Amino acid sequence: MHLNLIGWAAIAVLCLAGAGVGYAGCRLGGAPVAPGIVGGALAVLAGLVIVDRRRWARLTSTPSGRSEG
């Protein structure tokens, strides 16, 4: 994966948001917060990987060196 600085920053912000949601959910539910923080961040990463894999699966490729048409 080739991301620029803005792409990596976006991933970091999304992971922090997921960790915050996990933290809040555990605090409201009375559960230990550490697993919620890690779980929230990992859920965001898993979601990003799934979306990326689906996007790459839709791409079509042609053998290199051949021109179409």
N, C-alpha and C. Protein backbone atom coordinates (compact mmCIF):
# COMPACT_ATOMS: atom_id res chain seq x y z
N MET A 1 0.85 -1.16 0.00
CA MET A 1 0.00 0.00 0.00
C MET A 1 0.90 1.23 0.00
N HIS A 2 0.62 2.13 -0.91
CA HIS A 2 1.42 3.35 -1.02
C HIS A 2 0.53 4.54 -0.67
N LEU A 3 0.72 5.05 0.53
CA LEU A 3 -0.05 6.21 0.98
C LEU A 3 0.88 7.38 1.19
N ASN A 4 0.35 8.57 0.97
CA ASN A 4 1.12 9.76 1.28
C ASN A 4 0.83 10.16 2.73
N LEU A 5 1.36 11.27 3.15
CA LEU A 5 1.21 11.71 4.53
C LEU A 5 -0.25 11.93 4.90
N ILE A 6 -1.03 12.45 3.99
CA ILE A 6 -2.44 12.70 4.28
C ILE A 6 -3.20 11.38 4.44
N GLY A 7 -2.87 10.38 3.63
CA GLY A 7 -3.51 9.08 3.75
C GLY A 7 -3.22 8.42 5.08
N TRP A 8 -1.96 8.45 5.49
CA TRP A 8 -1.59 7.86 6.79
C TRP A 8 -2.24 8.63 7.94
N ALA A 9 -2.32 9.95 7.81
CA ALA A 9 -2.97 10.75 8.86
C ALA A 9 -4.45 10.41 8.95
N ALA A 10 -5.10 10.20 7.81
CA ALA A 10 -6.51 9.83 7.80
C ALA A 10 -6.72 8.48 8.48
N ILE A 11 -5.84 7.53 8.22
CA ILE A 11 -5.95 6.22 8.88
C ILE A 11 -5.76 6.37 10.38
N ALA A 12 -4.80 7.19 10.79
CA ALA A 12 -4.56 7.40 12.22
C ALA A 12 -5.77 8.04 12.89
N VAL A 13 -6.37 9.02 12.24
CA VAL A 13 -7.55 9.69 12.82
C VAL A 13 -8.72 8.72 12.92
N LEU A 14 -8.93 7.91 11.89
CA LEU A 14 -10.01 6.93 11.93
C LEU A 14 -9.79 5.90 13.03
N CYS A 15 -8.55 5.46 13.22
CA CYS A 15 -8.25 4.52 14.29
C CYS A 15 -8.47 5.14 15.66
N LEU A 16 -8.09 6.40 15.81
CA LEU A 16 -8.34 7.09 17.07
C LEU A 16 -9.83 7.24 17.33
N ALA A 17 -10.60 7.51 16.29
CA ALA A 17 -12.05 7.61 16.44
C ALA A 17 -12.64 6.26 16.85
N GLY A 18 -12.17 5.19 16.21
CA GLY A 18 -12.63 3.85 16.58
C GLY A 18 -12.27 3.50 18.00
N ALA A 19 -11.06 3.87 18.42
CA ALA A 19 -10.65 3.63 19.80
C ALA A 19 -11.52 4.43 20.76
N GLY A 20 -11.88 5.64 20.39
CA GLY A 20 -12.75 6.45 21.24
C GLY A 20 -14.14 5.85 21.38
N VAL A 21 -14.66 5.31 20.28
CA VAL A 21 -15.97 4.66 20.34
C VAL A 21 -15.89 3.41 21.21
N GLY A 22 -14.82 2.65 21.07
CA GLY A 22 -14.63 1.47 21.92
C GLY A 22 -14.51 1.83 23.39
N TYR A 23 -13.78 2.89 23.66
CA TYR A 23 -13.63 3.37 25.04
C TYR A 23 -14.98 3.78 25.62
N ALA A 24 -15.72 4.58 24.87
CA ALA A 24 -17.02 5.05 25.36
C ALA A 24 -17.99 3.89 25.57
N GLY A 25 -17.98 2.95 24.64
CA GLY A 25 -18.86 1.81 24.79
C GLY A 25 -18.55 0.98 26.01
N CYS A 26 -17.28 0.80 26.29
CA CYS A 26 -16.90 0.03 27.48
C CYS A 26 -17.20 0.79 28.76
N ARG A 27 -17.00 2.09 28.74
CA ARG A 27 -17.32 2.88 29.93
C ARG A 27 -18.81 2.84 30.23
N LEU A 28 -19.62 2.95 29.18
CA LEU A 28 -21.07 2.92 29.37
C LEU A 28 -21.54 1.54 29.79
N GLY A 29 -20.89 0.51 29.29
CA GLY A 29 -21.29 -0.86 29.61
C GLY A 29 -20.66 -1.41 30.87
N GLY A 30 -19.73 -0.68 31.44
CA GLY A 30 -19.08 -1.13 32.67
C GLY A 30 -18.03 -2.21 32.44
N ALA A 31 -17.55 -2.34 31.22
CA ALA A 31 -16.53 -3.34 30.90
C ALA A 31 -15.14 -2.70 30.99
N PRO A 32 -14.10 -3.53 31.05
CA PRO A 32 -12.73 -2.98 31.02
C PRO A 32 -12.49 -2.21 29.72
N VAL A 33 -11.84 -1.08 29.83
CA VAL A 33 -11.71 -0.20 28.68
C VAL A 33 -10.58 -0.58 27.73
N ALA A 34 -9.52 -1.21 28.23
CA ALA A 34 -8.38 -1.52 27.36
C ALA A 34 -8.78 -2.39 26.17
N PRO A 35 -9.52 -3.48 26.37
CA PRO A 35 -9.91 -4.27 25.20
C PRO A 35 -10.84 -3.50 24.25
N GLY A 36 -11.64 -2.61 24.78
CA GLY A 36 -12.52 -1.81 23.94
C GLY A 36 -11.76 -0.84 23.07
N ILE A 37 -10.72 -0.25 23.61
CA ILE A 37 -9.89 0.68 22.85
C ILE A 37 -9.20 -0.05 21.70
N VAL A 38 -8.57 -1.17 22.02
CA VAL A 38 -7.86 -1.93 20.99
C VAL A 38 -8.85 -2.49 19.97
N GLY A 39 -9.96 -3.00 20.45
CA GLY A 39 -10.97 -3.56 19.56
C GLY A 39 -11.55 -2.53 18.61
N GLY A 40 -11.79 -1.33 19.11
CA GLY A 40 -12.32 -0.27 18.26
C GLY A 40 -11.36 0.12 17.15
N ALA A 41 -10.08 0.25 17.49
CA ALA A 41 -9.08 0.60 16.49
C ALA A 41 -8.90 -0.53 15.47
N LEU A 42 -8.89 -1.78 15.95
CA LEU A 42 -8.74 -2.91 15.03
C LEU A 42 -9.97 -3.08 14.14
N ALA A 43 -11.14 -2.77 14.65
CA ALA A 43 -12.35 -2.84 13.83
C ALA A 43 -12.27 -1.85 12.67
N VAL A 44 -11.75 -0.66 12.95
CA VAL A 44 -11.58 0.33 11.88
C VAL A 44 -10.59 -0.18 10.84
N LEU A 45 -9.46 -0.71 11.28
CA LEU A 45 -8.47 -1.23 10.34
C LEU A 45 -9.04 -2.37 9.50
N ALA A 46 -9.77 -3.27 10.14
CA ALA A 46 -10.38 -4.38 9.40
C ALA A 46 -11.36 -3.85 8.36
N GLY A 47 -12.15 -2.87 8.73
CA GLY A 47 -13.09 -2.28 7.78
C GLY A 47 -12.39 -1.64 6.59
N LEU A 48 -11.28 -0.95 6.85
CA LEU A 48 -10.52 -0.33 5.77
C LEU A 48 -9.93 -1.38 4.83
N VAL A 49 -9.43 -2.48 5.39
CA VAL A 49 -8.88 -3.55 4.56
C VAL A 49 -9.97 -4.17 3.69
N ILE A 50 -11.14 -4.40 4.27
CA ILE A 50 -12.24 -4.99 3.50
C ILE A 50 -12.66 -4.07 2.36
N VAL A 51 -12.79 -2.80 2.64
CA VAL A 51 -13.17 -1.85 1.59
C VAL A 51 -12.10 -1.80 0.50
N ASP A 52 -10.83 -1.81 0.89
CA ASP A 52 -9.74 -1.76 -0.08
C ASP A 52 -9.72 -3.02 -0.94
N ARG A 53 -9.91 -4.18 -0.34
CA ARG A 53 -9.90 -5.44 -1.09
C ARG A 53 -11.06 -5.48 -2.09
N ARG A 54 -12.21 -5.00 -1.69
CA ARG A 54 -13.35 -4.97 -2.61
C ARG A 54 -13.09 -4.03 -3.78
N ARG A 55 -12.45 -2.91 -3.48
CA ARG A 55 -12.13 -1.96 -4.56
C ARG A 55 -11.14 -2.58 -5.54
N TRP A 56 -10.13 -3.25 -5.03
CA TRP A 56 -9.14 -3.87 -5.90
C TRP A 56 -9.74 -5.04 -6.67
N ALA A 57 -10.70 -5.74 -6.11
CA ALA A 57 -11.32 -6.87 -6.79
C ALA A 57 -12.13 -6.40 -8.00
N ARG A 58 -12.65 -5.18 -7.97
CA ARG A 58 -13.43 -4.66 -9.09
C ARG A 58 -12.57 -4.20 -10.24
N LEU A 59 -11.31 -3.94 -10.00
CA LEU A 59 -10.42 -3.47 -11.06
C LEU A 59 -10.15 -4.60 -12.05
N THR A 60 -10.11 -4.26 -13.31
CA THR A 60 -9.74 -5.23 -14.33
C THR A 60 -8.34 -4.93 -14.79
N SER A 61 -7.68 -5.96 -15.21
CA SER A 61 -6.30 -5.77 -15.68
C SER A 61 -6.14 -6.42 -17.04
N THR A 62 -5.20 -5.90 -17.77
CA THR A 62 -4.85 -6.47 -19.07
C THR A 62 -3.37 -6.84 -19.01
N PRO A 63 -2.99 -7.86 -19.74
CA PRO A 63 -1.55 -8.21 -19.75
C PRO A 63 -0.72 -7.03 -20.27
N SER A 64 0.41 -6.83 -19.65
CA SER A 64 1.25 -5.70 -20.06
C SER A 64 1.82 -5.97 -21.45
N GLY A 65 2.00 -4.91 -22.18
CA GLY A 65 2.57 -5.01 -23.50
C GLY A 65 1.54 -5.19 -24.60
N ARG A 66 0.31 -5.39 -24.24
CA ARG A 66 -0.75 -5.53 -25.23
C ARG A 66 -1.60 -4.28 -25.26
N SER A 67 -1.94 -3.86 -26.45
CA SER A 67 -2.82 -2.71 -26.56
C SER A 67 -4.22 -3.19 -26.89
N GLU A 68 -5.19 -2.51 -26.36
CA GLU A 68 -6.58 -2.88 -26.61
C GLU A 68 -7.06 -2.17 -27.86
N GLY A 69 -7.89 -2.85 -28.65
CA GLY A 69 -8.58 -2.22 -29.74
C GLY A 69 -7.90 -2.29 -31.02
